[in-house]
Structure formats: structure tokens, C-alpha cells
Amino acid sequence: MHAFALAHPGHLALLDFAAIRERSGISHAEWYRHMARGTAPRPVKIGTASRWPAHEIDALIAARIAGKTDAELVELVKAMHAARTASSEVAA
């Protein structure tokens, strides 16, 4: 197992949209509108499948519960995408 996964248990779990809907109650169309606005993370593509890192979805839900603004959510999503790039560079 990769050292990053050992240091961050559960960090690398991926969710399909059904799991996101179950956690958030957001419809498919609404989720994709959020992605278009930058207030929801884009998926990780595995072949033709779309999956989202569980920790990103949890952080997004926590930010919404905390009352973060759309501008703050956009910054959070940007940070999530930057972290994906940084962690993939570490794994390489």
C-alpha cells in the first residue's frame, strides 16, 4: 500500500454519484450545475466512469453546513483540485 494511503486512512475512497446523492440529497442535474459554477469538484474519470474522492465530498458538505458562501466554495474546490495534482505528483 502507498505511504500516502497509510497516513490518510479512507482518504482514497471514491464515490459514485448514487453515493453523493445519498450523502447530500442533491439531484444529478443540480450536482452538474454546481460543477459548472465551480462549487462542486469535478470527477475523477476511471474509463468512462465518474467517481469523486470521498474526503472531497465530505469537506464540501461540511462547508455547506458551516454556511460558506459560493465564493468560498469555489476556493475550496480549487484547493481540492490542486491537492489532487500535488498528491498525484507525490505518487509518481
C-alpha atoms as a PDB file:
ATOM      1  CA  MET A   1       0.000   0.000   0.000  1.00  0.00           C
ATOM      2  CA  HIS A   2       1.219   3.505  -0.798  1.00  0.00           C
ATOM      3  CA  ALA A   3       2.562   5.510   2.179  1.00  0.00           C
ATOM      4  CA  PHE A   4       0.058   8.319   1.493  1.00  0.00           C
ATOM      5  CA  ALA A   5      -2.849   5.875   1.858  1.00  0.00           C
ATOM      6  CA  LEU A   6      -1.406   4.544   5.121  1.00  0.00           C
ATOM      7  CA  ALA A   7      -1.006   8.050   6.531  1.00  0.00           C
ATOM      8  CA  HIS A   8      -4.531   9.066   5.478  1.00  0.00           C
ATOM      9  CA  PRO A   9      -6.851   6.093   6.063  1.00  0.00           C
ATOM     10  CA  GLY A  10     -10.025   6.320   3.998  1.00  0.00           C
ATOM     11  CA  HIS A  11      -8.585   9.261   2.084  1.00  0.00           C
ATOM     12  CA  LEU A  12      -8.548   7.486  -1.256  1.00  0.00           C
ATOM     13  CA  ALA A  13     -12.120   6.119  -1.256  1.00  0.00           C
ATOM     14  CA  LEU A  14     -14.076   7.005  -4.391  1.00  0.00           C
ATOM     15  CA  LEU A  15     -17.828   7.574  -4.583  1.00  0.00           C
ATOM     16  CA  ASP A  16     -20.190   7.195  -7.495  1.00  0.00           C
ATOM     17  CA  PHE A  17     -22.994   9.694  -7.963  1.00  0.00           C
ATOM     18  CA  ALA A  18     -25.534   7.478  -6.173  1.00  0.00           C
ATOM     19  CA  ALA A  19     -23.408   7.731  -3.017  1.00  0.00           C
ATOM     20  CA  ILE A  20     -23.141  11.513  -3.404  1.00  0.00           C
ATOM     21  CA  ARG A  21     -26.917  11.797  -3.809  1.00  0.00           C
ATOM     22  CA  GLU A  22     -27.380   9.653  -0.694  1.00  0.00           C
ATOM     23  CA  ARG A  23     -24.992  11.843   1.326  1.00  0.00           C
ATOM     24  CA  SER A  24     -26.157  15.224   0.031  1.00  0.00           C
ATOM     25  CA  GLY A  25     -29.674  14.855  -1.333  1.00  0.00           C
ATOM     26  CA  ILE A  26     -28.630  16.789  -4.459  1.00  0.00           C
ATOM     27  CA  SER A  27     -30.058  15.701  -7.812  1.00  0.00           C
ATOM     28  CA  HIS A  28     -27.828  14.748 -10.726  1.00  0.00           C
ATOM     29  CA  ALA A  29     -28.754  17.911 -12.658  1.00  0.00           C
ATOM     30  CA  GLU A  30     -28.144  20.163  -9.644  1.00  0.00           C
ATOM     31  CA  TRP A  31     -24.771  18.497  -8.964  1.00  0.00           C
ATOM     32  CA  TYR A  32     -23.631  19.161 -12.524  1.00  0.00           C
ATOM     33  CA  ARG A  33     -24.799  22.790 -12.245  1.00  0.00           C
ATOM     34  CA  HIS A  34     -22.632  23.110  -9.127  1.00  0.00           C
ATOM     35  CA  MET A  35     -19.678  21.636 -11.030  1.00  0.00           C
ATOM     36  CA  ALA A  36     -20.237  24.117 -13.880  1.00  0.00           C
ATOM     37  CA  ARG A  37     -20.205  27.002 -11.348  1.00  0.00           C
ATOM     38  CA  GLY A  38     -17.109  25.620  -9.636  1.00  0.00           C
ATOM     39  CA  THR A  39     -18.906  24.977  -6.336  1.00  0.00           C
ATOM     40  CA  ALA A  40     -18.529  21.188  -6.590  1.00  0.00           C
ATOM     41  CA  PRO A  41     -15.465  19.171  -7.553  1.00  0.00           C
ATOM     42  CA  ARG A  42     -15.130  17.576 -10.963  1.00  0.00           C
ATOM     43  CA  PRO A  43     -14.962  13.789 -11.052  1.00  0.00           C
ATOM     44  CA  VAL A  44     -12.001  11.509 -11.361  1.00  0.00           C
ATOM     45  CA  LYS A  45     -12.515   9.573 -14.580  1.00  0.00           C
ATOM     46  CA  ILE A  46     -11.889   5.835 -14.478  1.00  0.00           C
ATOM     47  CA  GLY A  47     -12.532   4.692 -18.011  1.00  0.00           C
ATOM     48  CA  THR A  48     -15.989   6.064 -18.718  1.00  0.00           C
ATOM     49  CA  ALA A  49     -16.991   6.059 -15.050  1.00  0.00           C
ATOM     50  CA  SER A  50     -17.082   9.236 -12.960  1.00  0.00           C
ATOM     51  CA  ARG A  51     -16.031   8.978  -9.317  1.00  0.00           C
ATOM     52  CA  TRP A  52     -15.381  11.564  -6.614  1.00  0.00           C
ATOM     53  CA  PRO A  53     -12.939  11.317  -3.693  1.00  0.00           C
ATOM     54  CA  ALA A  54     -14.995  10.746  -0.542  1.00  0.00           C
ATOM     55  CA  HIS A  55     -12.944  13.202   1.508  1.00  0.00           C
ATOM     56  CA  GLU A  56     -13.723  15.977  -1.018  1.00  0.00           C
ATOM     57  CA  ILE A  57     -17.455  15.329  -0.809  1.00  0.00           C
ATOM     58  CA  ASP A  58     -17.298  15.250   2.994  1.00  0.00           C
ATOM     59  CA  ALA A  59     -15.385  18.555   3.036  1.00  0.00           C
ATOM     60  CA  LEU A  60     -17.885  20.147   0.656  1.00  0.00           C
ATOM     61  CA  ILE A  61     -20.857  19.034   2.751  1.00  0.00           C
ATOM     62  CA  ALA A  62     -19.150  20.321   5.921  1.00  0.00           C
ATOM     63  CA  ALA A  63     -18.501  23.678   4.230  1.00  0.00           C
ATOM     64  CA  ARG A  64     -22.162  23.962   3.207  1.00  0.00           C
ATOM     65  CA  ILE A  65     -23.294  23.109   6.736  1.00  0.00           C
ATOM     66  CA  ALA A  66     -20.919  25.805   8.021  1.00  0.00           C
ATOM     67  CA  GLY A  67     -22.666  28.327   5.763  1.00  0.00           C
ATOM     68  CA  LYS A  68     -19.768  29.008   3.410  1.00  0.00           C
ATOM     69  CA  THR A  69     -20.565  31.326   0.503  1.00  0.00           C
ATOM     70  CA  ASP A  70     -20.395  30.249  -3.122  1.00  0.00           C
ATOM     71  CA  ALA A  71     -17.161  32.239  -3.465  1.00  0.00           C
ATOM     72  CA  GLU A  72     -15.680  30.314  -0.526  1.00  0.00           C
ATOM     73  CA  LEU A  73     -16.854  27.032  -2.045  1.00  0.00           C
ATOM     74  CA  VAL A  74     -15.170  27.906  -5.349  1.00  0.00           C
ATOM     75  CA  GLU A  75     -11.895  28.460  -3.470  1.00  0.00           C
ATOM     76  CA  LEU A  76     -12.350  25.172  -1.591  1.00  0.00           C
ATOM     77  CA  VAL A  77     -12.925  23.287  -4.852  1.00  0.00           C
ATOM     78  CA  LYS A  78      -9.860  24.926  -6.423  1.00  0.00           C
ATOM     79  CA  ALA A  79      -7.815  23.783  -3.423  1.00  0.00           C
ATOM     80  CA  MET A  80      -9.218  20.254  -3.781  1.00  0.00           C
ATOM     81  CA  HIS A  81      -8.214  20.091  -7.436  1.00  0.00           C
ATOM     82  CA  ALA A  82      -4.747  21.470  -6.621  1.00  0.00           C
ATOM     83  CA  ALA A  83      -4.326  18.829  -3.907  1.00  0.00           C
ATOM     84  CA  ARG A  84      -5.229  16.101  -6.399  1.00  0.00           C
ATOM     85  CA  THR A  85      -2.461  17.279  -8.699  1.00  0.00           C
ATOM     86  CA  ALA A  86       0.029  17.542  -5.820  1.00  0.00           C
ATOM     87  CA  SER A  87      -0.797  14.076  -4.482  1.00  0.00           C
ATOM     88  CA  SER A  88      -0.552  12.504  -7.943  1.00  0.00           C
ATOM     89  CA  GLU A  89       2.912  14.058  -8.337  1.00  0.00           C
ATOM     90  CA  VAL A  90       3.958  12.554  -4.983  1.00  0.00           C
ATOM     91  CA  ALA A  91       2.636   9.126  -6.043  1.00  0.00           C
ATOM     92  CA  ALA A  92       4.597   9.184  -9.308  1.00  0.00           C
END
